[in-house]
Each structure stands twice: as structure tokens, then as C-alpha cells.
Amino acid sequence: MRVLVTGASRGIGLKLVEKYLAHGDEVVAAVRDPDGAAELRALASPRLHVVAMDVGSTESVRAAAARCPEGPFHVLLNNAALNGGPQRAPGMDLERAARILDVNAVGPLRVYDTFIERVRAAEGLRVVVNVSSDSGSLSAFRVSGKPEYAMSKAALNALTLWQAAQEPRVICVALHPGWTRTAMGGDKAPYSDEETAGRMLEAIARLGPEHSGLFLDTALKPLPW
């Protein structure tokens, strides 16, 4: 099986790469700065392909695709994201907000647009996983103080619904990994990146057509939009 993981230089993304490699899968790990991704490069394997990709740039995503090995992808994992920080009006950092919305919501759209034909071509499992957050739920909103992050994840959930309608042969889901101890999640989170990545892999392996278009936790329990 071949997997594409964006945002693979650290945290959950790095652990996902590590676990897929341990399972014997081939992994394309997309990062903005391969030279600075020492932990990722330390996983060196003939089955690991590290490519430079900034999901905030259409040109970069398309150039990355040209550098990937030929052939289909079974799993496209949109993990790359920016977190931002607390915002209050007036005086909000609107340029930062626009960048976070672009990376977190339009970024997965760029990756989908560039790679979906290769997912469609896969035999067996064909999955697009958009790594979302419960802060993007409109009906169970968890106030984080970071409006652009919450907005970006709500938009990502909307993208997932649209993708599922476009892709009858591809399982498209928004997956909430749970609050995790990473640079983004902070030290108070209950789960390690190792634990979260393990649960995510198990969840992805269990996905079926009935899950397409859903917002799920790692137990495959539907979450409120």
C-alpha cells in the first residue's frame, strides 16, 4: 500500500509515517523543508520518499507531485496545518488568519486536486483523510480563542462533504484525532503523538464506504457537524 502524508516533519504526521513504514507500507512524506526534517530523514528506508511541499502554494503541491514515485496512492492523509494563537478584536492579526485559512482549508483542496486521480487509480483501499478537529464543529463548538483555526476546520469539514459527493469510489472522511501532546496541542493534552497516530492508523484501516462523508473520531464514532 502507498500512503501520502502531508505535514510529516513532526508530531502526529511524523508518527504516522513511522507507523506506516513499520507496517511495511510505502510512504511519501511531504514537508515544507526536507533539509530541516532531521527526525523524518532518520527514518530512512527504501519505502520512504521525502518530498518538499508547501500546501499553501499550488505551484509547490504540483511540483511535489512530479517528484513522487509513479503509481497510485491508497491513502491521502491531509495532516499539514497551522494553529495560530488567541485573537481578540479590535487589532486582530488578519494576515495570519488568512494564512491559516489558506493552509488548513485550501491546502487540502490543493492536495486533493493534484493527487485525486492517483487515488482513484488504486486497487482496494482508496481513502482521503482530512485531519480535522472538534473545534470545527458548529453544533458542539469548543471555544479555543483561535477563531481562524476553528473556521479553517469547519471549512475542512465542508470540503469533506463535497469530496464524498464527488468521489463515489473513494472514502472521504474528516477525522478528529483527539487532543494530542504536540507543538500544536501543547503539554496539557491527554494523548501522546504515538498513541494518537496508532489510533488513527487503526481507524483508517477499518474505514468502509458507509463512513464516506462523515466527521469521525478515531473510534469511528460520528461527531456533530
Protein backbone atom coordinates (compact mmCIF):
# COMPACT_ATOMS: atom_id res chain seq x y z
CA MET A 1 0.00 0.00 0.00
CA ARG A 2 1.20 3.55 -0.74
CA VAL A 3 0.35 6.48 1.52
CA LEU A 4 0.83 10.24 1.16
CA VAL A 5 1.15 12.15 4.44
CA THR A 6 1.39 15.95 4.46
CA GLY A 7 2.88 17.81 7.40
CA ALA A 8 5.13 14.83 8.08
CA SER A 9 8.13 16.50 9.74
CA ARG A 10 6.93 16.34 13.35
CA GLY A 11 4.15 15.42 15.75
CA ILE A 12 1.30 13.23 14.53
CA GLY A 13 2.44 13.39 10.92
CA LEU A 14 5.90 12.07 11.76
CA LYS A 15 4.44 9.24 13.86
CA LEU A 16 2.03 8.32 11.07
CA VAL A 17 4.97 7.95 8.68
CA GLU A 18 6.86 5.86 11.22
CA LYS A 19 3.93 3.52 11.81
CA TYR A 20 3.08 3.04 8.14
CA LEU A 21 6.71 2.18 7.44
CA ALA A 22 6.66 -0.30 10.32
CA HIS A 23 3.62 -1.93 8.71
CA GLY A 24 5.60 -2.42 5.50
CA ASP A 25 3.85 0.29 3.51
CA GLU A 26 5.40 2.75 1.07
CA VAL A 27 5.16 6.35 2.27
CA VAL A 28 5.51 9.69 0.56
CA ALA A 29 6.18 12.20 3.34
CA ALA A 30 5.50 15.79 2.30
CA VAL A 31 7.17 18.60 4.26
CA ARG A 32 7.93 22.24 3.63
CA ASP A 33 11.65 21.88 4.40
CA PRO A 34 13.10 18.38 3.90
CA ASP A 35 16.58 19.56 4.91
CA GLY A 36 15.26 20.67 8.29
CA ALA A 37 13.28 17.48 8.93
CA ALA A 38 16.02 15.58 10.74
CA GLU A 39 13.69 13.18 12.60
CA LEU A 40 11.92 12.28 9.39
CA ARG A 41 15.16 11.72 7.49
CA ALA A 42 16.33 9.47 10.33
CA LEU A 43 13.56 7.04 9.32
CA ALA A 44 15.48 6.39 6.09
CA SER A 45 14.04 3.45 4.17
CA PRO A 46 13.75 2.40 0.52
CA ARG A 47 10.00 2.70 1.10
CA LEU A 48 10.18 6.31 2.32
CA HIS A 49 10.15 9.18 -0.17
CA VAL A 50 10.52 12.67 1.32
CA VAL A 51 9.30 15.50 -0.92
CA ALA A 52 9.21 19.26 -0.47
CA MET A 53 5.65 20.55 -0.39
CA ASP A 54 4.10 23.75 0.92
CA VAL A 55 0.35 23.10 0.87
CA GLY A 56 -0.16 26.87 0.86
CA SER A 57 1.25 27.02 -2.68
CA THR A 58 -0.41 25.44 -5.70
CA GLU A 59 2.90 25.53 -7.57
CA SER A 60 4.66 23.72 -4.72
CA VAL A 61 2.00 20.99 -4.49
CA ARG A 62 2.13 20.34 -8.22
CA ALA A 63 5.93 20.31 -8.24
CA ALA A 64 5.87 17.79 -5.38
CA ALA A 65 3.55 15.54 -7.34
CA ALA A 66 6.04 15.50 -10.21
CA ARG A 67 8.75 14.31 -7.81
CA CYS A 68 6.68 11.47 -6.33
CA PRO A 69 7.13 7.87 -7.45
CA GLU A 70 4.81 6.88 -10.27
CA GLY A 71 1.69 4.90 -9.50
CA PRO A 72 -1.42 5.14 -7.33
CA PHE A 73 -1.94 6.19 -3.73
CA HIS A 74 -4.24 4.18 -1.48
CA VAL A 75 -4.39 6.75 1.34
CA LEU A 76 -4.13 10.53 1.02
CA LEU A 77 -3.71 11.98 4.51
CA ASN A 78 -4.15 15.75 4.72
CA ASN A 79 -2.39 16.40 8.01
CA ALA A 80 -0.49 19.66 7.42
CA ALA A 81 -1.95 22.57 9.39
CA LEU A 82 -1.17 25.79 11.22
CA ASN A 83 -2.52 26.58 14.68
CA GLY A 84 -2.29 30.31 15.20
CA GLY A 85 -2.91 31.91 18.58
CA PRO A 86 -5.57 33.72 20.62
CA GLN A 87 -7.26 36.62 18.86
CA ARG A 88 -9.47 39.44 20.07
CA ALA A 89 -10.94 42.40 18.21
CA PRO A 90 -10.00 45.10 17.54
CA GLY A 91 -6.46 44.71 16.33
CA MET A 92 -6.68 41.11 15.14
CA ASP A 93 -3.86 39.68 13.05
CA LEU A 94 -5.88 39.28 9.86
CA GLU A 95 -2.92 38.38 7.68
CA ARG A 96 -2.18 35.44 9.98
CA ALA A 97 -5.85 34.47 9.90
CA ALA A 98 -5.84 34.44 6.11
CA ARG A 99 -2.67 32.31 6.04
CA ILE A 100 -4.18 29.75 8.45
CA LEU A 101 -7.39 29.51 6.46
CA ASP A 102 -5.37 29.07 3.28
CA VAL A 103 -3.11 26.33 4.65
CA ASN A 104 -5.71 24.45 6.71
CA ALA A 105 -8.67 24.56 4.32
CA VAL A 106 -7.49 25.45 0.82
CA GLY A 107 -4.28 23.45 1.28
CA PRO A 108 -6.12 20.10 1.45
CA LEU A 109 -8.12 21.18 -1.59
CA ARG A 110 -4.87 21.77 -3.49
CA VAL A 111 -3.57 18.35 -2.49
CA TYR A 112 -6.87 16.67 -3.40
CA ASP A 113 -6.99 18.40 -6.79
CA THR A 114 -3.43 17.37 -7.58
CA PHE A 115 -3.47 13.77 -6.34
CA ILE A 116 -7.06 12.50 -6.59
CA GLU A 117 -6.62 10.80 -9.95
CA ARG A 118 -3.86 8.69 -8.42
CA VAL A 119 -6.14 7.75 -5.52
CA ARG A 120 -8.91 6.81 -7.93
CA ALA A 121 -6.44 4.51 -9.72
CA ALA A 122 -5.63 2.47 -6.60
CA GLU A 123 -6.81 -1.10 -6.13
CA GLY A 124 -8.51 -1.99 -2.85
CA LEU A 125 -8.45 0.74 -0.22
CA ARG A 126 -8.96 4.26 -1.61
CA VAL A 127 -9.17 6.89 1.12
CA VAL A 128 -8.90 10.65 1.57
CA VAL A 129 -8.48 11.55 5.24
CA ASN A 130 -8.76 15.21 6.23
CA VAL A 131 -7.36 15.66 9.74
CA SER A 132 -9.93 17.89 11.39
CA SER A 133 -10.76 18.98 14.96
CA ASP A 134 -13.77 19.17 17.23
CA SER A 135 -13.16 22.93 17.33
CA GLY A 136 -14.56 22.97 13.78
CA SER A 137 -17.92 21.59 14.91
CA LEU A 138 -20.61 24.26 14.69
CA SER A 139 -23.13 22.46 16.91
CA ALA A 140 -20.67 21.40 19.62
CA PHE A 141 -18.32 24.34 19.40
CA ARG A 142 -15.36 24.21 21.77
CA VAL A 143 -14.24 27.80 22.22
CA SER A 144 -10.49 27.84 21.72
CA GLY A 145 -9.85 31.57 21.42
CA LYS A 146 -8.40 30.89 17.96
CA PRO A 147 -11.15 31.87 15.52
CA GLU A 148 -9.23 31.28 12.32
CA TYR A 149 -8.29 27.75 13.38
CA ALA A 150 -11.91 26.89 14.20
CA MET A 151 -13.06 28.47 10.92
CA SER A 152 -10.47 26.52 8.95
CA LYS A 153 -11.56 23.18 10.40
CA ALA A 154 -15.24 23.95 9.80
CA ALA A 155 -14.31 24.71 6.19
CA LEU A 156 -12.30 21.46 6.00
CA ASN A 157 -15.36 19.54 7.18
CA ALA A 158 -17.41 21.20 4.44
CA LEU A 159 -14.75 20.19 1.91
CA THR A 160 -15.00 16.59 3.12
CA LEU A 161 -18.75 16.51 2.46
CA TRP A 162 -18.20 17.90 -1.03
CA GLN A 163 -15.39 15.42 -1.76
CA ALA A 164 -17.56 12.49 -0.70
CA ALA A 165 -20.26 13.62 -3.13
CA GLN A 166 -17.70 13.84 -5.95
CA GLU A 167 -15.95 10.52 -5.27
CA PRO A 168 -18.32 7.51 -5.22
CA ARG A 169 -15.37 5.08 -5.31
CA VAL A 170 -13.19 6.88 -2.72
CA ILE A 171 -13.87 7.00 1.02
CA CYS A 172 -13.57 10.65 2.10
CA VAL A 173 -13.67 11.42 5.83
CA ALA A 174 -12.88 14.20 8.29
CA LEU A 175 -11.05 12.61 11.22
CA HIS A 176 -10.70 14.21 14.66
CA PRO A 177 -7.53 12.72 16.16
CA GLY A 178 -8.13 13.90 19.71
CA TRP A 179 -6.21 16.43 21.77
CA THR A 180 -2.58 15.41 21.46
CA ARG A 181 0.69 16.49 23.08
CA THR A 182 2.44 18.12 20.14
CA ALA A 183 3.88 21.54 19.41
CA MET A 184 0.37 22.47 18.30
CA GLY A 185 -1.61 20.69 21.02
CA GLY A 186 0.58 21.68 23.98
CA ASP A 187 1.77 19.82 27.06
CA LYS A 188 -1.63 19.50 28.77
CA ALA A 189 -3.17 17.25 26.11
CA PRO A 190 -4.05 13.74 27.32
CA TYR A 191 -2.60 11.73 24.42
CA SER A 192 0.92 11.34 23.07
CA ASP A 193 1.55 11.64 19.34
CA GLU A 194 2.46 7.93 19.38
CA GLU A 195 -0.92 6.98 20.86
CA THR A 196 -2.86 9.23 18.53
CA ALA A 197 -1.09 8.02 15.40
CA GLY A 198 -1.74 4.41 16.40
CA ARG A 199 -5.46 5.04 16.85
CA MET A 200 -5.61 6.88 13.54
CA LEU A 201 -3.99 4.01 11.64
CA GLU A 202 -6.41 1.53 13.17
CA ALA A 203 -9.36 3.79 12.30
CA ILE A 204 -8.24 4.27 8.68
CA ALA A 205 -7.79 0.52 8.22
CA ARG A 206 -11.41 -0.03 9.38
CA LEU A 207 -12.99 2.56 7.08
CA GLY A 208 -15.67 1.38 4.70
CA PRO A 209 -17.96 3.04 2.13
CA GLU A 210 -20.53 3.66 4.86
CA HIS A 211 -18.13 6.12 6.51
CA SER A 212 -17.62 8.35 3.47
CA GLY A 213 -18.76 11.92 4.05
CA LEU A 214 -18.67 11.64 7.85
CA PHE A 215 -16.89 13.58 10.59
CA LEU A 216 -15.44 10.89 12.87
CA ASP A 217 -13.30 10.35 15.92
CA THR A 218 -10.69 7.60 15.98
CA ALA A 219 -13.26 5.10 17.30
CA LEU A 220 -15.21 5.85 14.07
CA LYS A 221 -17.95 7.50 16.12
CA PRO A 222 -19.70 10.25 14.13
CA LEU A 223 -19.22 13.73 15.55
CA PRO A 224 -21.69 16.61 15.22
CA TRP A 225 -21.05 18.97 12.34
